[in-house]
Amino acid sequence: MSEQIIQDPTNWEKRWQDKDTPWDHGSSSQALIQLLEEQAQSIPTTGNVLVPGCGQGYDCYVLASPERKVYGLDLSETCIDKCLKSQKEKQVPGTTVTFLLDDFFTFDVPAEKFSLIYDYTFFCAFPPSFRSKWGQRMAEIIPSGGTLICLIFPLDDHEGGPPFTVTVDAYKAALEPSFENIYLADCKGHPSRIGKEKISIWKRQ
């Protein structure tokens, strides 16, 4: 996949229209839920939260709280329409969760930026040549002391993508020295991905 295609929302839009969304498992990963319970002391309890490439918004609802406002961001209009429909059915107010149809690299960031960002199957959507740009953007929109949670996937050696194969070192190369890795562990998420994932927490310096 070329860098031009990665930036073009119509390709992701077509996949949503065609229901070609194998990354959608119908729920948030248990790995995230477990992390929020076991590493609560390392995760901000207030402020703005961003879920880039939010899909149908499962993670947004898991991360939302009265003290945290979550923004779900995606390039696909069909995807965001599904999110808004689900939000209405769940009766979740826009003051708690907001869905945005926009580009991660160019969207208008709130003045307070984001105290917490969660990345899952977003980093791996980009070819390796785009990863430094991803890291630079994360450093721009997370202030000092903020937190980035990355559910690292896929840790394998397949060819092509997306998803493109990743390594822990690839995240370090994109994020350091702006971020420090403070937590890294094996995890159990969606059954088909067990053994191909690790979960991590990064603190903005």
N, C-alpha and C. Protein backbone atom coordinates (compact mmCIF):
# COMPACT_ATOMS: atom_id res chain seq x y z
N MET A 1 0.85 -1.20 0.00
CA MET A 1 0.00 0.00 0.00
C MET A 1 0.88 1.24 0.00
N SER A 2 0.62 2.18 -0.88
CA SER A 2 1.42 3.39 -0.98
C SER A 2 1.03 4.39 0.09
N GLU A 3 1.95 5.35 0.34
CA GLU A 3 1.66 6.40 1.31
C GLU A 3 0.45 7.22 0.86
N GLN A 4 0.30 7.41 -0.44
CA GLN A 4 -0.84 8.18 -0.95
C GLN A 4 -2.15 7.48 -0.62
N ILE A 5 -2.18 6.17 -0.78
CA ILE A 5 -3.40 5.42 -0.47
C ILE A 5 -3.70 5.48 1.02
N ILE A 6 -2.65 5.39 1.86
CA ILE A 6 -2.86 5.46 3.30
C ILE A 6 -3.59 6.74 3.68
N GLN A 7 -3.27 7.85 2.99
CA GLN A 7 -3.87 9.14 3.32
C GLN A 7 -5.24 9.32 2.68
N ASP A 8 -5.64 8.44 1.79
CA ASP A 8 -6.87 8.60 1.04
C ASP A 8 -8.03 7.90 1.75
N PRO A 9 -8.99 8.64 2.28
CA PRO A 9 -10.07 8.02 3.05
C PRO A 9 -10.98 7.12 2.22
N THR A 10 -11.00 7.29 0.90
CA THR A 10 -11.94 6.50 0.10
C THR A 10 -11.61 5.02 0.12
N ASN A 11 -10.37 4.66 0.29
CA ASN A 11 -10.02 3.25 0.35
C ASN A 11 -10.56 2.60 1.61
N TRP A 12 -10.40 3.26 2.75
CA TRP A 12 -10.96 2.74 4.00
C TRP A 12 -12.48 2.81 3.95
N GLU A 13 -13.01 3.85 3.33
CA GLU A 13 -14.46 3.97 3.19
C GLU A 13 -15.03 2.79 2.41
N LYS A 14 -14.36 2.42 1.33
CA LYS A 14 -14.84 1.29 0.53
C LYS A 14 -14.83 0.00 1.33
N ARG A 15 -13.82 -0.17 2.16
CA ARG A 15 -13.76 -1.40 2.96
C ARG A 15 -14.92 -1.45 3.95
N TRP A 16 -15.26 -0.31 4.53
CA TRP A 16 -16.42 -0.28 5.44
C TRP A 16 -17.72 -0.50 4.67
N GLN A 17 -17.82 0.10 3.50
CA GLN A 17 -19.03 -0.10 2.68
C GLN A 17 -19.19 -1.56 2.28
N ASP A 18 -18.07 -2.20 1.96
CA ASP A 18 -18.09 -3.60 1.53
C ASP A 18 -18.11 -4.58 2.70
N LYS A 19 -18.11 -4.05 3.92
CA LYS A 19 -18.04 -4.86 5.14
C LYS A 19 -16.80 -5.75 5.16
N ASP A 20 -15.74 -5.21 4.57
CA ASP A 20 -14.44 -5.89 4.55
C ASP A 20 -13.61 -5.36 5.71
N THR A 21 -14.01 -5.74 6.93
CA THR A 21 -13.39 -5.19 8.14
C THR A 21 -12.97 -6.32 9.08
N PRO A 22 -11.96 -7.11 8.69
CA PRO A 22 -11.55 -8.24 9.53
C PRO A 22 -10.96 -7.83 10.87
N TRP A 23 -10.59 -6.56 11.02
CA TRP A 23 -10.06 -6.08 12.29
C TRP A 23 -11.16 -5.87 13.34
N ASP A 24 -12.41 -5.86 12.91
CA ASP A 24 -13.53 -5.59 13.81
C ASP A 24 -13.97 -6.90 14.48
N HIS A 25 -13.69 -7.01 15.78
CA HIS A 25 -14.03 -8.22 16.53
C HIS A 25 -15.31 -8.07 17.34
N GLY A 26 -15.99 -6.94 17.20
CA GLY A 26 -17.28 -6.77 17.85
C GLY A 26 -17.24 -6.33 19.29
N SER A 27 -16.04 -6.12 19.82
CA SER A 27 -15.91 -5.69 21.22
C SER A 27 -14.50 -5.16 21.44
N SER A 28 -14.32 -4.49 22.57
CA SER A 28 -12.99 -4.04 22.95
C SER A 28 -12.15 -5.24 23.38
N SER A 29 -10.85 -5.12 23.23
CA SER A 29 -9.95 -6.21 23.63
C SER A 29 -9.90 -6.35 25.14
N GLN A 30 -9.94 -7.59 25.61
CA GLN A 30 -9.80 -7.83 27.05
C GLN A 30 -8.45 -7.35 27.56
N ALA A 31 -7.46 -7.28 26.68
CA ALA A 31 -6.15 -6.79 27.09
C ALA A 31 -6.23 -5.35 27.57
N LEU A 32 -7.02 -4.51 26.91
CA LEU A 32 -7.20 -3.13 27.35
C LEU A 32 -7.96 -3.09 28.66
N ILE A 33 -9.03 -3.84 28.75
CA ILE A 33 -9.85 -3.84 29.97
C ILE A 33 -9.02 -4.27 31.17
N GLN A 34 -8.20 -5.30 31.00
CA GLN A 34 -7.35 -5.77 32.09
C GLN A 34 -6.30 -4.73 32.46
N LEU A 35 -5.73 -4.07 31.46
CA LEU A 35 -4.73 -3.04 31.74
C LEU A 35 -5.32 -1.90 32.55
N LEU A 36 -6.51 -1.46 32.20
CA LEU A 36 -7.15 -0.37 32.92
C LEU A 36 -7.38 -0.72 34.38
N GLU A 37 -7.59 -2.00 34.66
CA GLU A 37 -7.79 -2.45 36.04
C GLU A 37 -6.46 -2.60 36.78
N GLU A 38 -5.48 -3.22 36.12
CA GLU A 38 -4.24 -3.59 36.81
C GLU A 38 -3.20 -2.48 36.84
N GLN A 39 -3.26 -1.55 35.91
CA GLN A 39 -2.28 -0.47 35.84
C GLN A 39 -2.94 0.90 35.98
N ALA A 40 -4.00 0.94 36.78
CA ALA A 40 -4.77 2.17 36.92
C ALA A 40 -3.92 3.34 37.39
N GLN A 41 -2.91 3.06 38.20
CA GLN A 41 -2.07 4.13 38.74
C GLN A 41 -1.25 4.83 37.66
N SER A 42 -1.10 4.21 36.52
CA SER A 42 -0.29 4.79 35.43
C SER A 42 -1.13 5.46 34.35
N ILE A 43 -2.44 5.46 34.52
CA ILE A 43 -3.34 5.93 33.47
C ILE A 43 -4.12 7.16 33.95
N PRO A 44 -4.07 8.26 33.21
CA PRO A 44 -4.78 9.48 33.63
C PRO A 44 -6.28 9.23 33.83
N THR A 45 -6.81 9.84 34.86
CA THR A 45 -8.24 9.68 35.16
C THR A 45 -9.07 10.87 34.70
N THR A 46 -8.39 11.92 34.23
CA THR A 46 -9.10 13.12 33.78
C THR A 46 -8.53 13.57 32.43
N GLY A 47 -9.25 14.48 31.79
CA GLY A 47 -8.76 15.08 30.55
C GLY A 47 -9.36 14.47 29.30
N ASN A 48 -8.81 14.88 28.17
CA ASN A 48 -9.26 14.38 26.87
C ASN A 48 -8.55 13.09 26.50
N VAL A 49 -9.30 12.19 25.88
CA VAL A 49 -8.77 10.90 25.43
C VAL A 49 -9.03 10.78 23.93
N LEU A 50 -8.07 10.24 23.21
CA LEU A 50 -8.23 10.04 21.77
C LEU A 50 -8.04 8.57 21.41
N VAL A 51 -8.95 8.07 20.56
CA VAL A 51 -8.80 6.73 19.98
C VAL A 51 -8.75 6.91 18.47
N PRO A 52 -7.54 6.99 17.88
CA PRO A 52 -7.44 7.14 16.43
C PRO A 52 -7.74 5.83 15.72
N GLY A 53 -8.40 5.91 14.57
CA GLY A 53 -8.81 4.69 13.90
C GLY A 53 -9.77 3.91 14.78
N CYS A 54 -10.80 4.59 15.26
CA CYS A 54 -11.64 4.06 16.35
C CYS A 54 -12.57 2.93 15.94
N GLY A 55 -12.73 2.68 14.62
CA GLY A 55 -13.66 1.63 14.22
C GLY A 55 -15.06 1.96 14.73
N GLN A 56 -15.75 0.96 15.24
CA GLN A 56 -17.13 1.17 15.71
C GLN A 56 -17.20 1.70 17.14
N GLY A 57 -16.07 2.08 17.70
CA GLY A 57 -16.09 2.83 18.94
C GLY A 57 -16.10 2.02 20.22
N TYR A 58 -15.85 0.72 20.13
CA TYR A 58 -15.90 -0.12 21.33
C TYR A 58 -14.96 0.40 22.42
N ASP A 59 -13.73 0.76 22.02
CA ASP A 59 -12.74 1.21 23.00
C ASP A 59 -13.11 2.56 23.59
N CYS A 60 -13.80 3.38 22.82
CA CYS A 60 -14.21 4.70 23.32
C CYS A 60 -15.10 4.57 24.55
N TYR A 61 -16.02 3.62 24.51
CA TYR A 61 -16.93 3.44 25.64
C TYR A 61 -16.22 2.85 26.85
N VAL A 62 -15.24 1.99 26.61
CA VAL A 62 -14.46 1.42 27.71
C VAL A 62 -13.64 2.50 28.41
N LEU A 63 -13.12 3.44 27.65
CA LEU A 63 -12.25 4.47 28.20
C LEU A 63 -13.00 5.67 28.77
N ALA A 64 -14.26 5.82 28.42
CA ALA A 64 -15.03 6.99 28.85
C ALA A 64 -15.35 6.94 30.34
N SER A 65 -15.41 8.12 30.95
CA SER A 65 -15.81 8.26 32.35
C SER A 65 -16.30 9.69 32.55
N PRO A 66 -16.93 9.98 33.68
CA PRO A 66 -17.39 11.35 33.91
C PRO A 66 -16.25 12.37 33.88
N GLU A 67 -15.03 11.93 34.17
CA GLU A 67 -13.89 12.84 34.22
C GLU A 67 -13.05 12.82 32.95
N ARG A 68 -13.32 11.85 32.06
CA ARG A 68 -12.55 11.75 30.82
C ARG A 68 -13.49 11.87 29.63
N LYS A 69 -13.20 12.81 28.73
CA LYS A 69 -13.97 12.91 27.49
C LYS A 69 -13.20 12.22 26.38
N VAL A 70 -13.86 11.30 25.68
CA VAL A 70 -13.20 10.50 24.67
C VAL A 70 -13.60 10.96 23.27
N TYR A 71 -12.60 11.10 22.42
CA TYR A 71 -12.81 11.41 21.00
C TYR A 71 -12.43 10.18 20.18
N GLY A 72 -13.38 9.67 19.41
CA GLY A 72 -13.10 8.59 18.47
C GLY A 72 -12.93 9.18 17.09
N LEU A 73 -11.82 8.87 16.44
CA LEU A 73 -11.46 9.49 15.17
C LEU A 73 -11.33 8.43 14.08
N ASP A 74 -11.93 8.69 12.92
CA ASP A 74 -11.77 7.75 11.81
C ASP A 74 -11.93 8.49 10.48
N LEU A 75 -11.32 7.93 9.43
CA LEU A 75 -11.39 8.51 8.09
C LEU A 75 -12.65 8.12 7.33
N SER A 76 -13.30 7.05 7.74
CA SER A 76 -14.43 6.51 6.99
C SER A 76 -15.76 7.09 7.45
N GLU A 77 -16.50 7.66 6.52
CA GLU A 77 -17.82 8.21 6.85
C GLU A 77 -18.78 7.11 7.27
N THR A 78 -18.73 5.96 6.59
CA THR A 78 -19.60 4.84 6.96
C THR A 78 -19.30 4.37 8.37
N CYS A 79 -18.03 4.31 8.71
CA CYS A 79 -17.63 3.92 10.06
C CYS A 79 -18.17 4.88 11.11
N ILE A 80 -17.98 6.17 10.89
CA ILE A 80 -18.46 7.16 11.86
C ILE A 80 -19.97 7.15 11.94
N ASP A 81 -20.66 6.94 10.84
CA ASP A 81 -22.12 6.82 10.88
C ASP A 81 -22.55 5.67 11.78
N LYS A 82 -21.84 4.56 11.70
CA LYS A 82 -22.14 3.42 12.57
C LYS A 82 -21.91 3.80 14.04
N CYS A 83 -20.84 4.53 14.29
CA CYS A 83 -20.56 4.97 15.66
C CYS A 83 -21.67 5.86 16.20
N LEU A 84 -22.12 6.79 15.40
CA LEU A 84 -23.16 7.72 15.84
C LEU A 84 -24.48 6.99 16.08
N LYS A 85 -24.78 6.02 15.24
CA LYS A 85 -25.99 5.22 15.44
C LYS A 85 -25.91 4.44 16.73
N SER A 86 -24.76 3.81 16.98
CA SER A 86 -24.56 3.05 18.20
C SER A 86 -24.62 3.94 19.43
N GLN A 87 -24.02 5.13 19.32
CA GLN A 87 -24.03 6.06 20.43
C GLN A 87 -25.45 6.47 20.80
N LYS A 88 -26.27 6.69 19.79
CA LYS A 88 -27.67 7.05 20.04
C LYS A 88 -28.40 5.91 20.72
N GLU A 89 -28.16 4.68 20.25
CA GLU A 89 -28.81 3.52 20.85
C GLU A 89 -28.38 3.31 22.30
N LYS A 90 -27.10 3.57 22.57
CA LYS A 90 -26.57 3.41 23.93
C LYS A 90 -26.93 4.59 24.83
N GLN A 91 -27.42 5.67 24.22
CA GLN A 91 -27.78 6.90 24.94
C GLN A 91 -26.57 7.47 25.69
N VAL A 92 -25.43 7.47 25.01
CA VAL A 92 -24.21 8.05 25.57
C VAL A 92 -24.11 9.50 25.09
N PRO A 93 -24.06 10.47 26.00
CA PRO A 93 -24.06 11.87 25.60
C PRO A 93 -22.77 12.28 24.89
N GLY A 94 -22.90 13.28 24.03
CA GLY A 94 -21.74 13.80 23.32
C GLY A 94 -20.72 14.46 24.21
N THR A 95 -21.12 14.80 25.42
CA THR A 95 -20.17 15.37 26.37
C THR A 95 -19.23 14.30 26.92
N THR A 96 -19.59 13.04 26.74
CA THR A 96 -18.76 11.92 27.22
C THR A 96 -17.94 11.31 26.09
N VAL A 97 -18.58 11.09 24.95
CA VAL A 97 -17.91 10.52 23.77
C VAL A 97 -18.30 11.33 22.54
N THR A 98 -17.31 11.72 21.75
CA THR A 98 -17.53 12.44 20.50
C THR A 98 -16.82 11.71 19.37
N PHE A 99 -17.51 11.50 18.27
CA PHE A 99 -16.91 10.84 17.11
C PHE A 99 -16.62 11.86 16.02
N LEU A 100 -15.41 11.78 15.46
CA LEU A 100 -14.95 12.75 14.47
C LEU A 100 -14.58 12.06 13.16
N LEU A 101 -15.09 12.59 12.06
CA LEU A 101 -14.70 12.15 10.73
C LEU A 101 -13.56 13.05 10.28
N ASP A 102 -12.32 12.57 10.42
CA ASP A 102 -11.19 13.45 10.16
C ASP A 102 -9.90 12.64 10.02
N ASP A 103 -8.82 13.37 9.72
CA ASP A 103 -7.50 12.79 9.49
C ASP A 103 -6.65 13.01 10.75
N PHE A 104 -6.08 11.96 11.27
CA PHE A 104 -5.25 12.02 12.48
C PHE A 104 -4.14 13.06 12.36
N PHE A 105 -3.57 13.21 11.20
CA PHE A 105 -2.41 14.07 11.04
C PHE A 105 -2.76 15.55 10.88
N THR A 106 -4.02 15.86 10.63
CA THR A 106 -4.38 17.25 10.35
C THR A 106 -5.58 17.77 11.14
N PHE A 107 -6.25 16.93 11.92
CA PHE A 107 -7.47 17.39 12.60
C PHE A 107 -7.15 18.43 13.66
N ASP A 108 -8.16 19.25 13.99
CA ASP A 108 -8.00 20.31 14.99
C ASP A 108 -7.96 19.70 16.38
N VAL A 109 -6.87 19.89 17.07
CA VAL A 109 -6.66 19.31 18.40
C VAL A 109 -7.20 20.27 19.46
N PRO A 110 -7.91 19.77 20.48
CA PRO A 110 -8.38 20.65 21.55
C PRO A 110 -7.21 21.39 22.20
N ALA A 111 -7.49 22.57 22.73
CA ALA A 111 -6.43 23.39 23.33
C ALA A 111 -5.69 22.64 24.43
N GLU A 112 -6.41 21.80 25.17
CA GLU A 112 -5.80 21.05 26.27
C GLU A 112 -5.03 19.83 25.79
N LYS A 113 -5.12 19.54 24.49
CA LYS A 113 -4.52 18.35 23.90
C LYS A 113 -5.12 17.09 24.53
N PHE A 114 -4.34 16.00 24.59
CA PHE A 114 -4.88 14.72 25.07
C PHE A 114 -4.02 14.16 26.20
N SER A 115 -4.64 13.94 27.33
CA SER A 115 -3.92 13.34 28.45
C SER A 115 -3.68 11.86 28.23
N LEU A 116 -4.50 11.25 27.34
CA LEU A 116 -4.40 9.82 27.08
C LEU A 116 -4.78 9.54 25.63
N ILE A 117 -3.97 8.72 24.96
CA ILE A 117 -4.31 8.22 23.63
C ILE A 117 -4.16 6.70 23.64
N TYR A 118 -5.08 6.03 22.97
CA TYR A 118 -5.02 4.56 22.86
C TYR A 118 -4.89 4.19 21.39
N ASP A 119 -3.84 3.46 21.07
CA ASP A 119 -3.59 3.01 19.70
C ASP A 119 -3.66 1.49 19.62
N TYR A 120 -4.58 1.01 18.80
CA TYR A 120 -4.69 -0.43 18.54
C TYR A 120 -5.11 -0.62 17.08
N THR A 121 -4.33 -1.35 16.35
CA THR A 121 -4.49 -1.55 14.90
C THR A 121 -4.50 -0.23 14.13
N PHE A 122 -3.81 0.78 14.67
CA PHE A 122 -3.67 2.05 13.96
C PHE A 122 -2.23 2.20 13.46
N PHE A 123 -1.26 2.05 14.36
CA PHE A 123 0.15 2.08 13.98
C PHE A 123 0.44 1.08 12.87
N CYS A 124 -0.14 -0.11 12.98
CA CYS A 124 0.15 -1.17 12.01
C CYS A 124 -0.55 -0.95 10.67
N ALA A 125 -1.41 0.05 10.58
CA ALA A 125 -2.06 0.37 9.30
C ALA A 125 -1.14 1.14 8.37
N PHE A 126 -0.06 1.70 8.94
CA PHE A 126 0.87 2.50 8.15
C PHE A 126 2.09 1.68 7.74
N PRO A 127 2.59 1.88 6.52
CA PRO A 127 3.85 1.24 6.14
C PRO A 127 4.98 1.82 6.98
N PRO A 128 6.08 1.09 7.13
CA PRO A 128 7.18 1.55 7.99
C PRO A 128 7.65 2.97 7.70
N SER A 129 7.59 3.42 6.47
CA SER A 129 8.06 4.77 6.13
C SER A 129 7.22 5.87 6.77
N PHE A 130 6.04 5.54 7.25
CA PHE A 130 5.14 6.52 7.86
C PHE A 130 5.26 6.56 9.38
N ARG A 131 6.00 5.65 9.97
CA ARG A 131 5.96 5.50 11.42
C ARG A 131 6.56 6.68 12.17
N SER A 132 7.60 7.29 11.63
CA SER A 132 8.18 8.45 12.30
C SER A 132 7.19 9.61 12.32
N LYS A 133 6.41 9.76 11.26
CA LYS A 133 5.38 10.80 11.21
C LYS A 133 4.32 10.54 12.27
N TRP A 134 3.94 9.28 12.45
CA TRP A 134 3.00 8.90 13.52
C TRP A 134 3.55 9.30 14.88
N GLY A 135 4.83 9.00 15.14
CA GLY A 135 5.44 9.33 16.42
C GLY A 135 5.51 10.83 16.65
N GLN A 136 5.83 11.58 15.61
CA GLN A 136 5.90 13.04 15.73
C GLN A 136 4.54 13.62 16.07
N ARG A 137 3.50 13.08 15.45
CA ARG A 137 2.15 13.58 15.72
C ARG A 137 1.74 13.26 17.15
N MET A 138 2.07 12.07 17.62
CA MET A 138 1.76 11.72 19.01
C MET A 138 2.43 12.69 19.97
N ALA A 139 3.68 13.04 19.70
CA ALA A 139 4.41 13.97 20.56
C ALA A 139 3.80 15.37 20.51
N GLU A 140 3.21 15.73 19.38
CA GLU A 140 2.58 17.05 19.24
C GLU A 140 1.31 17.17 20.06
N ILE A 141 0.54 16.10 20.14
CA ILE A 141 -0.81 16.22 20.70
C ILE A 141 -0.96 15.64 22.11
N ILE A 142 0.12 15.07 22.65
CA ILE A 142 0.13 14.63 24.04
C ILE A 142 1.10 15.53 24.79
N PRO A 143 0.65 16.28 25.79
CA PRO A 143 1.56 17.16 26.53
C PRO A 143 2.44 16.38 27.49
N SER A 144 3.46 17.03 28.00
CA SER A 144 4.36 16.40 28.97
C SER A 144 3.57 15.83 30.14
N GLY A 145 3.86 14.59 30.50
CA GLY A 145 3.13 13.92 31.56
C GLY A 145 1.97 13.10 31.08
N GLY A 146 1.59 13.28 29.80
CA GLY A 146 0.49 12.51 29.24
C GLY A 146 0.89 11.08 28.93
N THR A 147 -0.10 10.28 28.54
CA THR A 147 0.10 8.84 28.41
C THR A 147 -0.39 8.33 27.07
N LEU A 148 0.38 7.40 26.51
CA LEU A 148 0.01 6.69 25.28
C LEU A 148 -0.02 5.20 25.59
N ILE A 149 -1.17 4.58 25.37
CA ILE A 149 -1.28 3.12 25.49
C ILE A 149 -1.25 2.55 24.08
N CYS A 150 -0.35 1.61 23.85
CA CYS A 150 -0.28 0.92 22.56
C CYS A 150 -0.48 -0.57 22.78
N LEU A 151 -1.50 -1.11 22.16
CA LEU A 151 -1.67 -2.56 22.10
C LEU A 151 -0.97 -2.99 20.81
N ILE A 152 0.22 -3.54 20.98
CA ILE A 152 1.14 -3.79 19.87
C ILE A 152 0.73 -5.04 19.11
N PHE A 153 0.45 -4.87 17.82
CA PHE A 153 -0.03 -5.95 16.96
C PHE A 153 0.21 -5.56 15.51
N PRO A 154 0.58 -6.50 14.63
CA PRO A 154 0.83 -7.93 14.83
C PRO A 154 2.33 -8.23 14.96
N LEU A 155 2.67 -8.93 16.01
CA LEU A 155 4.06 -9.34 16.24
C LEU A 155 4.30 -10.66 15.52
N ASP A 156 4.48 -10.57 14.22
CA ASP A 156 4.77 -11.76 13.42
C ASP A 156 5.64 -11.34 12.25
N ASP A 157 5.82 -12.21 11.28
CA ASP A 157 6.73 -11.89 10.18
C ASP A 157 6.06 -12.05 8.81
N HIS A 158 4.76 -11.75 8.73
CA HIS A 158 4.08 -11.88 7.45
C HIS A 158 4.52 -10.76 6.49
N GLU A 159 4.26 -10.96 5.22
CA GLU A 159 4.61 -9.98 4.20
C GLU A 159 3.42 -9.06 3.91
N GLY A 160 3.74 -7.81 3.57
CA GLY A 160 2.70 -6.88 3.12
C GLY A 160 1.84 -6.34 4.24
N GLY A 161 0.73 -5.73 3.86
CA GLY A 161 -0.18 -5.13 4.80
C GLY A 161 -1.09 -4.12 4.10
N PRO A 162 -1.96 -3.44 4.82
CA PRO A 162 -2.13 -3.54 6.27
C PRO A 162 -2.93 -4.78 6.70
N PRO A 163 -2.73 -5.22 7.95
CA PRO A 163 -1.77 -4.68 8.92
C PRO A 163 -0.34 -5.06 8.56
N PHE A 164 0.56 -4.11 8.74
CA PHE A 164 1.97 -4.38 8.53
C PHE A 164 2.56 -4.95 9.82
N THR A 165 3.47 -5.90 9.65
CA THR A 165 4.09 -6.49 10.83
C THR A 165 4.85 -5.42 11.62
N VAL A 166 4.88 -5.56 12.94
CA VAL A 166 5.52 -4.59 13.81
C VAL A 166 6.45 -5.30 14.79
N THR A 167 7.26 -4.50 15.47
CA THR A 167 8.10 -4.98 16.57
C THR A 167 8.05 -3.94 17.68
N VAL A 168 8.43 -4.34 18.87
CA VAL A 168 8.53 -3.37 19.97
C VAL A 168 9.55 -2.30 19.62
N ASP A 169 10.65 -2.70 19.00
CA ASP A 169 11.68 -1.74 18.62
C ASP A 169 11.17 -0.71 17.61
N ALA A 170 10.20 -1.09 16.79
CA ALA A 170 9.63 -0.14 15.84
C ALA A 170 8.88 0.97 16.57
N TYR A 171 8.18 0.61 17.64
CA TYR A 171 7.50 1.63 18.46
C TYR A 171 8.53 2.52 19.15
N LYS A 172 9.58 1.90 19.68
CA LYS A 172 10.62 2.69 20.35
C LYS A 172 11.26 3.67 19.38
N ALA A 173 11.54 3.23 18.18
CA ALA A 173 12.16 4.10 17.19
C ALA A 173 11.27 5.29 16.84
N ALA A 174 9.97 5.07 16.82
CA ALA A 174 9.03 6.14 16.48
C ALA A 174 8.76 7.09 17.64
N LEU A 175 8.87 6.59 18.87
CA LEU A 175 8.44 7.37 20.03
C LEU A 175 9.57 7.98 20.86
N GLU A 176 10.70 7.31 20.95
CA GLU A 176 11.79 7.83 21.77
C GLU A 176 12.55 8.92 21.00
N PRO A 177 13.07 9.98 21.70
CA PRO A 177 13.09 10.17 23.15
C PRO A 177 11.89 10.95 23.69
N SER A 178 10.90 11.26 22.86
CA SER A 178 9.76 12.05 23.34
C SER A 178 8.94 11.30 24.37
N PHE A 179 8.96 9.97 24.29
CA PHE A 179 8.21 9.13 25.21
C PHE A 179 9.14 8.12 25.88
N GLU A 180 8.80 7.77 27.12
CA GLU A 180 9.50 6.70 27.83
C GLU A 180 8.56 5.52 28.00
N ASN A 181 9.03 4.34 27.67
CA ASN A 181 8.23 3.14 27.87
C ASN A 181 8.27 2.75 29.34
N ILE A 182 7.12 2.80 30.02
CA ILE A 182 7.08 2.50 31.45
C ILE A 182 6.42 1.16 31.75
N TYR A 183 5.83 0.52 30.74
CA TYR A 183 5.18 -0.77 30.96
C TYR A 183 5.12 -1.52 29.65
N LEU A 184 5.47 -2.81 29.70
CA LEU A 184 5.42 -3.67 28.52
C LEU A 184 5.18 -5.10 28.99
N ALA A 185 4.15 -5.75 28.46
CA ALA A 185 3.83 -7.10 28.91
C ALA A 185 3.11 -7.88 27.82
N ASP A 186 3.24 -9.20 27.91
CA ASP A 186 2.41 -10.07 27.09
C ASP A 186 0.96 -9.89 27.52
N CYS A 187 0.03 -10.18 26.65
CA CYS A 187 -1.37 -9.99 27.00
C CYS A 187 -2.23 -11.00 26.25
N LYS A 188 -3.46 -11.13 26.72
CA LYS A 188 -4.44 -11.99 26.08
C LYS A 188 -5.64 -11.14 25.68
N GLY A 189 -5.78 -10.94 24.38
CA GLY A 189 -6.89 -10.17 23.86
C GLY A 189 -7.83 -11.05 23.07
N HIS A 190 -8.10 -10.67 21.83
CA HIS A 190 -8.96 -11.49 20.98
C HIS A 190 -8.28 -12.83 20.70
N PRO A 191 -9.01 -13.93 20.81
CA PRO A 191 -8.41 -15.27 20.71
C PRO A 191 -7.52 -15.49 19.50
N SER A 192 -7.90 -14.98 18.34
CA SER A 192 -7.12 -15.21 17.13
C SER A 192 -5.79 -14.46 17.13
N ARG A 193 -5.60 -13.56 18.09
CA ARG A 193 -4.39 -12.75 18.13
C ARG A 193 -3.47 -13.09 19.29
N ILE A 194 -3.82 -14.08 20.08
CA ILE A 194 -2.98 -14.46 21.21
C ILE A 194 -1.62 -14.92 20.70
N GLY A 195 -0.57 -14.41 21.33
CA GLY A 195 0.78 -14.71 20.90
C GLY A 195 1.34 -13.72 19.90
N LYS A 196 0.48 -12.84 19.40
CA LYS A 196 0.90 -11.84 18.42
C LYS A 196 0.80 -10.42 18.96
N GLU A 197 0.60 -10.29 20.28
CA GLU A 197 0.36 -8.97 20.86
C GLU A 197 1.16 -8.77 22.15
N LYS A 198 1.48 -7.53 22.41
CA LYS A 198 1.95 -7.08 23.72
C LYS A 198 1.24 -5.77 24.00
N ILE A 199 1.10 -5.45 25.28
CA ILE A 199 0.48 -4.17 25.63
C ILE A 199 1.50 -3.30 26.33
N SER A 200 1.44 -2.00 26.06
CA SER A 200 2.48 -1.10 26.54
C SER A 200 1.91 0.25 26.95
N ILE A 201 2.64 0.90 27.85
CA ILE A 201 2.31 2.25 28.29
C ILE A 201 3.54 3.12 28.08
N TRP A 202 3.32 4.28 27.50
CA TRP A 202 4.40 5.23 27.21
C TRP A 202 4.07 6.57 27.85
N LYS A 203 5.03 7.16 28.53
CA LYS A 203 4.82 8.45 29.20
C LYS A 203 5.53 9.56 28.41
N ARG A 204 4.78 10.62 28.13
CA ARG A 204 5.34 11.77 27.41
C ARG A 204 6.31 12.51 28.32
N GLN A 205 7.51 12.74 27.82
CA GLN A 205 8.56 13.41 28.59
C GLN A 205 8.41 14.93 28.53
